[in-house]
Amino acid sequence: MEVTELAEAATDRDAGVGLAAVAALRTLLEELEAMHVSNARAQGWSWEQIADALGVRRQTAHRKHAHRTRG
């Protein structure tokens, strides 16, 4: 399912359809976040810069993503 279809399904009045779409969107967002954090680290961004961009604390960003990146 495409992102626009997932977003539309997330507003479905059928709770099963809506919840499945929310779960799929959450997975997609996690994958996108991981990809962009890896890109940011490869471009020399600090954990502080990444955390600021994500709206979280540095420790939170590091704890969540450090195992996926070098450095």
PDB file of N, CA and C in Angstrom:
ATOM      1  N   MET A   1       0.842  -1.167   0.000  1.00  0.00           N
ATOM      2  CA  MET A   1       0.000   0.000   0.000  1.00  0.00           C
ATOM      3  C   MET A   1       0.898   1.245   0.000  1.00  0.00           C
ATOM      4  N   GLU A   2       0.512   2.252  -0.768  1.00  0.00           N
ATOM      5  CA  GLU A   2       1.269   3.499  -0.825  1.00  0.00           C
ATOM      6  C   GLU A   2       0.994   4.367   0.399  1.00  0.00           C
ATOM      7  N   VAL A   3       1.861   5.319   0.644  1.00  0.00           N
ATOM      8  CA  VAL A   3       1.740   6.185   1.813  1.00  0.00           C
ATOM      9  C   VAL A   3       0.402   6.912   1.826  1.00  0.00           C
ATOM     10  N   THR A   4      -0.003   7.427   0.680  1.00  0.00           N
ATOM     11  CA  THR A   4      -1.275   8.156   0.641  1.00  0.00           C
ATOM     12  C   THR A   4      -2.444   7.228   0.954  1.00  0.00           C
ATOM     13  N   GLU A   5      -2.353   5.992   0.508  1.00  0.00           N
ATOM     14  CA  GLU A   5      -3.403   5.016   0.818  1.00  0.00           C
ATOM     15  C   GLU A   5      -3.397   4.677   2.304  1.00  0.00           C
ATOM     16  N   LEU A   6      -2.219   4.555   2.885  1.00  0.00           N
ATOM     17  CA  LEU A   6      -2.121   4.294   4.318  1.00  0.00           C
ATOM     18  C   LEU A   6      -2.695   5.442   5.127  1.00  0.00           C
ATOM     19  N   ALA A   7      -2.376   6.666   4.718  1.00  0.00           N
ATOM     20  CA  ALA A   7      -2.890   7.831   5.429  1.00  0.00           C
ATOM     21  C   ALA A   7      -4.407   7.879   5.344  1.00  0.00           C
ATOM     22  N   GLU A   8      -4.946   7.563   4.199  1.00  0.00           N
ATOM     23  CA  GLU A   8      -6.408   7.533   4.050  1.00  0.00           C
ATOM     24  C   GLU A   8      -7.010   6.410   4.892  1.00  0.00           C
ATOM     25  N   ALA A   9      -6.388   5.250   4.871  1.00  0.00           N
ATOM     26  CA  ALA A   9      -6.887   4.121   5.659  1.00  0.00           C
ATOM     27  C   ALA A   9      -6.835   4.413   7.157  1.00  0.00           C
ATOM     28  N   ALA A  10      -5.869   5.236   7.576  1.00  0.00           N
ATOM     29  CA  ALA A  10      -5.734   5.574   8.996  1.00  0.00           C
ATOM     30  C   ALA A  10      -6.940   6.347   9.513  1.00  0.00           C
ATOM     31  N   THR A  11      -7.696   6.956   8.626  1.00  0.00           N
ATOM     32  CA  THR A  11      -8.896   7.695   9.032  1.00  0.00           C
ATOM     33  C   THR A  11     -10.174   6.893   8.825  1.00  0.00           C
ATOM     34  N   ASP A  12     -10.042   5.643   8.429  1.00  0.00           N
ATOM     35  CA  ASP A  12     -11.209   4.784   8.196  1.00  0.00           C
ATOM     36  C   ASP A  12     -12.003   4.590   9.491  1.00  0.00           C
ATOM     37  N   ARG A  13     -13.297   4.568   9.382  1.00  0.00           N
ATOM     38  CA  ARG A  13     -14.146   4.380  10.567  1.00  0.00           C
ATOM     39  C   ARG A  13     -14.063   2.944  11.098  1.00  0.00           C
ATOM     40  N   ASP A  14     -13.622   2.018  10.266  1.00  0.00           N
ATOM     41  CA  ASP A  14     -13.421   0.635  10.706  1.00  0.00           C
ATOM     42  C   ASP A  14     -12.139   0.595  11.535  1.00  0.00           C
ATOM     43  N   ALA A  15     -12.273   0.292  12.815  1.00  0.00           N
ATOM     44  CA  ALA A  15     -11.113   0.316  13.714  1.00  0.00           C
ATOM     45  C   ALA A  15     -10.006  -0.625  13.256  1.00  0.00           C
ATOM     46  N   GLY A  16     -10.354  -1.770  12.725  1.00  0.00           N
ATOM     47  CA  GLY A  16      -9.336  -2.720  12.262  1.00  0.00           C
ATOM     48  C   GLY A  16      -8.515  -2.159  11.123  1.00  0.00           C
ATOM     49  N   VAL A  17      -9.179  -1.527  10.177  1.00  0.00           N
ATOM     50  CA  VAL A  17      -8.489  -0.914   9.037  1.00  0.00           C
ATOM     51  C   VAL A  17      -7.615   0.242   9.526  1.00  0.00           C
ATOM     52  N   GLY A  18      -8.184   1.099  10.373  1.00  0.00           N
ATOM     53  CA  GLY A  18      -7.445   2.254  10.880  1.00  0.00           C
ATOM     54  C   GLY A  18      -6.222   1.859  11.681  1.00  0.00           C
ATOM     55  N   LEU A  19      -6.377   0.907  12.577  1.00  0.00           N
ATOM     56  CA  LEU A  19      -5.247   0.493  13.416  1.00  0.00           C
ATOM     57  C   LEU A  19      -4.156  -0.186  12.596  1.00  0.00           C
ATOM     58  N   ALA A  20      -4.535  -0.985  11.618  1.00  0.00           N
ATOM     59  CA  ALA A  20      -3.534  -1.618  10.752  1.00  0.00           C
ATOM     60  C   ALA A  20      -2.759  -0.562   9.975  1.00  0.00           C
ATOM     61  N   ALA A  21      -3.467   0.467   9.516  1.00  0.00           N
ATOM     62  CA  ALA A  21      -2.794   1.545   8.791  1.00  0.00           C
ATOM     63  C   ALA A  21      -1.855   2.314   9.705  1.00  0.00           C
ATOM     64  N   VAL A  22      -2.286   2.598  10.919  1.00  0.00           N
ATOM     65  CA  VAL A  22      -1.426   3.297  11.881  1.00  0.00           C
ATOM     66  C   VAL A  22      -0.161   2.480  12.144  1.00  0.00           C
ATOM     67  N   ALA A  23      -0.297   1.188  12.319  1.00  0.00           N
ATOM     68  CA  ALA A  23       0.870   0.330  12.560  1.00  0.00           C
ATOM     69  C   ALA A  23       1.822   0.363  11.364  1.00  0.00           C
ATOM     70  N   ALA A  24       1.280   0.307  10.157  1.00  0.00           N
ATOM     71  CA  ALA A  24       2.116   0.341   8.956  1.00  0.00           C
ATOM     72  C   ALA A  24       2.809   1.700   8.824  1.00  0.00           C
ATOM     73  N   LEU A  25       2.091   2.783   9.118  1.00  0.00           N
ATOM     74  CA  LEU A  25       2.701   4.109   9.074  1.00  0.00           C
ATOM     75  C   LEU A  25       3.800   4.250  10.116  1.00  0.00           C
ATOM     76  N   ARG A  26       3.582   3.701  11.303  1.00  0.00           N
ATOM     77  CA  ARG A  26       4.599   3.752  12.362  1.00  0.00           C
ATOM     78  C   ARG A  26       5.871   3.039  11.902  1.00  0.00           C
ATOM     79  N   THR A  27       5.725   1.880  11.283  1.00  0.00           N
ATOM     80  CA  THR A  27       6.876   1.139  10.777  1.00  0.00           C
ATOM     81  C   THR A  27       7.616   1.950   9.724  1.00  0.00           C
ATOM     82  N   LEU A  28       6.856   2.542   8.812  1.00  0.00           N
ATOM     83  CA  LEU A  28       7.462   3.364   7.765  1.00  0.00           C
ATOM     84  C   LEU A  28       8.216   4.552   8.363  1.00  0.00           C
ATOM     85  N   LEU A  29       7.616   5.222   9.333  1.00  0.00           N
ATOM     86  CA  LEU A  29       8.275   6.361   9.977  1.00  0.00           C
ATOM     87  C   LEU A  29       9.568   5.948  10.681  1.00  0.00           C
ATOM     88  N   GLU A  30       9.544   4.802  11.342  1.00  0.00           N
ATOM     89  CA  GLU A  30      10.757   4.313  12.018  1.00  0.00           C
ATOM     90  C   GLU A  30      11.866   4.046  11.003  1.00  0.00           C
ATOM     91  N   GLU A  31      11.508   3.465   9.856  1.00  0.00           N
ATOM     92  CA  GLU A  31      12.493   3.190   8.809  1.00  0.00           C
ATOM     93  C   GLU A  31      13.057   4.491   8.238  1.00  0.00           C
ATOM     94  N   LEU A  32      12.175   5.461   8.002  1.00  0.00           N
ATOM     95  CA  LEU A  32      12.619   6.759   7.486  1.00  0.00           C
ATOM     96  C   LEU A  32      13.525   7.474   8.484  1.00  0.00           C
ATOM     97  N   GLU A  33      13.154   7.437   9.754  1.00  0.00           N
ATOM     98  CA  GLU A  33      13.974   8.074  10.781  1.00  0.00           C
ATOM     99  C   GLU A  33      15.361   7.437  10.820  1.00  0.00           C
ATOM    100  N   ALA A  34      15.414   6.125  10.822  1.00  0.00           N
ATOM    101  CA  ALA A  34      16.703   5.428  10.868  1.00  0.00           C
ATOM    102  C   ALA A  34      17.556   5.787   9.659  1.00  0.00           C
ATOM    103  N   MET A  35      16.952   5.850   8.486  1.00  0.00           N
ATOM    104  CA  MET A  35      17.688   6.180   7.272  1.00  0.00           C
ATOM    105  C   MET A  35      18.253   7.597   7.351  1.00  0.00           C
ATOM    106  N   HIS A  36      17.437   8.543   7.810  1.00  0.00           N
ATOM    107  CA  HIS A  36      17.901   9.922   7.870  1.00  0.00           C
ATOM    108  C   HIS A  36      18.917  10.142   8.979  1.00  0.00           C
ATOM    109  N   VAL A  37      18.802   9.429  10.073  1.00  0.00           N
ATOM    110  CA  VAL A  37      19.822   9.525  11.125  1.00  0.00           C
ATOM    111  C   VAL A  37      21.149   8.980  10.598  1.00  0.00           C
ATOM    112  N   SER A  38      21.103   7.864   9.907  1.00  0.00           N
ATOM    113  CA  SER A  38      22.332   7.311   9.324  1.00  0.00           C
ATOM    114  C   SER A  38      22.948   8.291   8.336  1.00  0.00           C
ATOM    115  N   ASN A  39      22.112   8.902   7.496  1.00  0.00           N
ATOM    116  CA  ASN A  39      22.617   9.898   6.544  1.00  0.00           C
ATOM    117  C   ASN A  39      23.231  11.089   7.272  1.00  0.00           C
ATOM    118  N   ALA A  40      22.558  11.561   8.312  1.00  0.00           N
ATOM    119  CA  ALA A  40      23.072  12.701   9.066  1.00  0.00           C
ATOM    120  C   ALA A  40      24.418  12.373   9.698  1.00  0.00           C
ATOM    121  N   ARG A  41      24.541  11.197  10.284  1.00  0.00           N
ATOM    122  CA  ARG A  41      25.819  10.810  10.902  1.00  0.00           C
ATOM    123  C   ARG A  41      26.911  10.709   9.838  1.00  0.00           C
ATOM    124  N   ALA A  42      26.567  10.155   8.659  1.00  0.00           N
ATOM    125  CA  ALA A  42      27.551  10.042   7.580  1.00  0.00           C
ATOM    126  C   ALA A  42      27.991  11.419   7.091  1.00  0.00           C
ATOM    127  N   GLN A  43      27.119  12.432   7.249  1.00  0.00           N
ATOM    128  CA  GLN A  43      27.447  13.797   6.845  1.00  0.00           C
ATOM    129  C   GLN A  43      28.109  14.589   7.973  1.00  0.00           C
ATOM    130  N   GLY A  44      28.385  13.929   9.090  1.00  0.00           N
ATOM    131  CA  GLY A  44      29.109  14.567  10.176  1.00  0.00           C
ATOM    132  C   GLY A  44      28.254  15.251  11.223  1.00  0.00           C
ATOM    133  N   TRP A  45      26.958  15.033  11.189  1.00  0.00           N
ATOM    134  CA  TRP A  45      26.093  15.636  12.208  1.00  0.00           C
ATOM    135  C   TRP A  45      26.408  15.038  13.571  1.00  0.00           C
ATOM    136  N   SER A  46      26.326  15.864  14.593  1.00  0.00           N
ATOM    137  CA  SER A  46      26.482  15.392  15.967  1.00  0.00           C
ATOM    138  C   SER A  46      25.161  14.796  16.445  1.00  0.00           C
ATOM    139  N   TRP A  47      25.245  14.038  17.532  1.00  0.00           N
ATOM    140  CA  TRP A  47      24.018  13.502  18.127  1.00  0.00           C
ATOM    141  C   TRP A  47      23.134  14.639  18.626  1.00  0.00           C
ATOM    142  N   GLU A  48      23.748  15.729  19.061  1.00  0.00           N
ATOM    143  CA  GLU A  48      22.991  16.897  19.525  1.00  0.00           C
ATOM    144  C   GLU A  48      22.181  17.504  18.381  1.00  0.00           C
ATOM    145  N   GLN A  49      22.796  17.643  17.210  1.00  0.00           N
ATOM    146  CA  GLN A  49      22.098  18.196  16.047  1.00  0.00           C
ATOM    147  C   GLN A  49      20.940  17.292  15.624  1.00  0.00           C
ATOM    148  N   ILE A  50      21.195  16.001  15.613  1.00  0.00           N
ATOM    149  CA  ILE A  50      20.152  15.037  15.230  1.00  0.00           C
ATOM    150  C   ILE A  50      19.000  15.100  16.223  1.00  0.00           C
ATOM    151  N   ALA A  51      19.333  15.111  17.498  1.00  0.00           N
ATOM    152  CA  ALA A  51      18.301  15.172  18.532  1.00  0.00           C
ATOM    153  C   ALA A  51      17.469  16.436  18.396  1.00  0.00           C
ATOM    154  N   ASP A  52      18.116  17.574  18.149  1.00  0.00           N
ATOM    155  CA  ASP A  52      17.388  18.826  17.971  1.00  0.00           C
ATOM    156  C   ASP A  52      16.421  18.735  16.798  1.00  0.00           C
ATOM    157  N   ALA A  53      16.885  18.147  15.695  1.00  0.00           N
ATOM    158  CA  ALA A  53      16.037  18.016  14.505  1.00  0.00           C
ATOM    159  C   ALA A  53      14.838  17.101  14.768  1.00  0.00           C
ATOM    160  N   LEU A  54      15.042  16.090  15.602  1.00  0.00           N
ATOM    161  CA  LEU A  54      13.969  15.139  15.919  1.00  0.00           C
ATOM    162  C   LEU A  54      13.095  15.605  17.075  1.00  0.00           C
ATOM    163  N   GLY A  55      13.542  16.623  17.783  1.00  0.00           N
ATOM    164  CA  GLY A  55      12.778  17.115  18.921  1.00  0.00           C
ATOM    165  C   GLY A  55      12.862  16.228  20.143  1.00  0.00           C
ATOM    166  N   VAL A  56      14.036  15.577  20.304  1.00  0.00           N
ATOM    167  CA  VAL A  56      14.260  14.699  21.458  1.00  0.00           C
ATOM    168  C   VAL A  56      15.588  15.080  22.106  1.00  0.00           C
ATOM    169  N   ARG A  57      15.890  14.454  23.233  1.00  0.00           N
ATOM    170  CA  ARG A  57      17.172  14.677  23.904  1.00  0.00           C
ATOM    171  C   ARG A  57      18.273  13.897  23.186  1.00  0.00           C
ATOM    172  N   ARG A  58      19.504  14.402  23.323  1.00  0.00           N
ATOM    173  CA  ARG A  58      20.642  13.740  22.668  1.00  0.00           C
ATOM    174  C   ARG A  58      20.749  12.283  23.075  1.00  0.00           C
ATOM    175  N   GLN A  59      20.584  12.025  24.366  1.00  0.00           N
ATOM    176  CA  GLN A  59      20.707  10.661  24.875  1.00  0.00           C
ATOM    177  C   GLN A  59      19.645   9.746  24.248  1.00  0.00           C
ATOM    178  N   THR A  60      18.457  10.273  24.039  1.00  0.00           N
ATOM    179  CA  THR A  60      17.386   9.479  23.447  1.00  0.00           C
ATOM    180  C   THR A  60      17.732   9.100  22.014  1.00  0.00           C
ATOM    181  N   ALA A  61      18.192  10.061  21.233  1.00  0.00           N
ATOM    182  CA  ALA A  61      18.566   9.785  19.845  1.00  0.00           C
ATOM    183  C   ALA A  61      19.727   8.792  19.791  1.00  0.00           C
ATOM    184  N   HIS A  62      20.717   9.005  20.631  1.00  0.00           N
ATOM    185  CA  HIS A  62      21.878   8.117  20.639  1.00  0.00           C
ATOM    186  C   HIS A  62      21.486   6.701  21.032  1.00  0.00           C
ATOM    187  N   ARG A  63      20.709   6.572  22.090  1.00  0.00           N
ATOM    188  CA  ARG A  63      20.288   5.256  22.571  1.00  0.00           C
ATOM    189  C   ARG A  63      19.509   4.501  21.489  1.00  0.00           C
ATOM    190  N   LYS A  64      18.667   5.215  20.773  1.00  0.00           N
ATOM    191  CA  LYS A  64      17.813   4.577  19.773  1.00  0.00           C
ATOM    192  C   LYS A  64      18.571   4.196  18.504  1.00  0.00           C
ATOM    193  N   HIS A  65      19.567   4.998  18.119  1.00  0.00           N
ATOM    194  CA  HIS A  65      20.157   4.824  16.791  1.00  0.00           C
ATOM    195  C   HIS A  65      21.652   4.484  16.758  1.00  0.00           C
ATOM    196  N   ALA A  66      22.360   4.607  17.860  1.00  0.00           N
ATOM    197  CA  ALA A  66      23.817   4.434  17.821  1.00  0.00           C
ATOM    198  C   ALA A  66      24.232   3.061  17.300  1.00  0.00           C
ATOM    199  N   HIS A  67      23.458   2.041  17.578  1.00  0.00           N
ATOM    200  CA  HIS A  67      23.834   0.692  17.146  1.00  0.00           C
ATOM    201  C   HIS A  67      23.758   0.528  15.623  1.00  0.00           C
ATOM    202  N   ARG A  68      23.072   1.444  14.947  1.00  0.00           N
ATOM    203  CA  ARG A  68      22.918   1.357  13.491  1.00  0.00           C
ATOM    204  C   ARG A  68      23.971   2.166  12.740  1.00  0.00           C
ATOM    205  N   THR A  69      24.683   3.004  13.460  1.00  0.00           N
ATOM    206  CA  THR A  69      25.604   3.920  12.799  1.00  0.00           C
ATOM    207  C   THR A  69      27.025   3.705  13.289  1.00  0.00           C
ATOM    208  N   ARG A  70      27.940   4.251  12.526  1.00  0.00           N
ATOM    209  CA  ARG A  70      29.344   4.235  12.940  1.00  0.00           C
ATOM    210  C   ARG A  70      29.642   5.542  13.626  1.00  0.00           C
ATOM    211  N   GLY A  71      30.013   5.489  14.893  1.00  0.00           N
ATOM    212  CA  GLY A  71      30.443   6.696  15.589  1.00  0.00           C
ATOM    213  C   GLY A  71      29.416   7.441  16.342  1.00  0.00           C
TER     214      GLY A  71
END
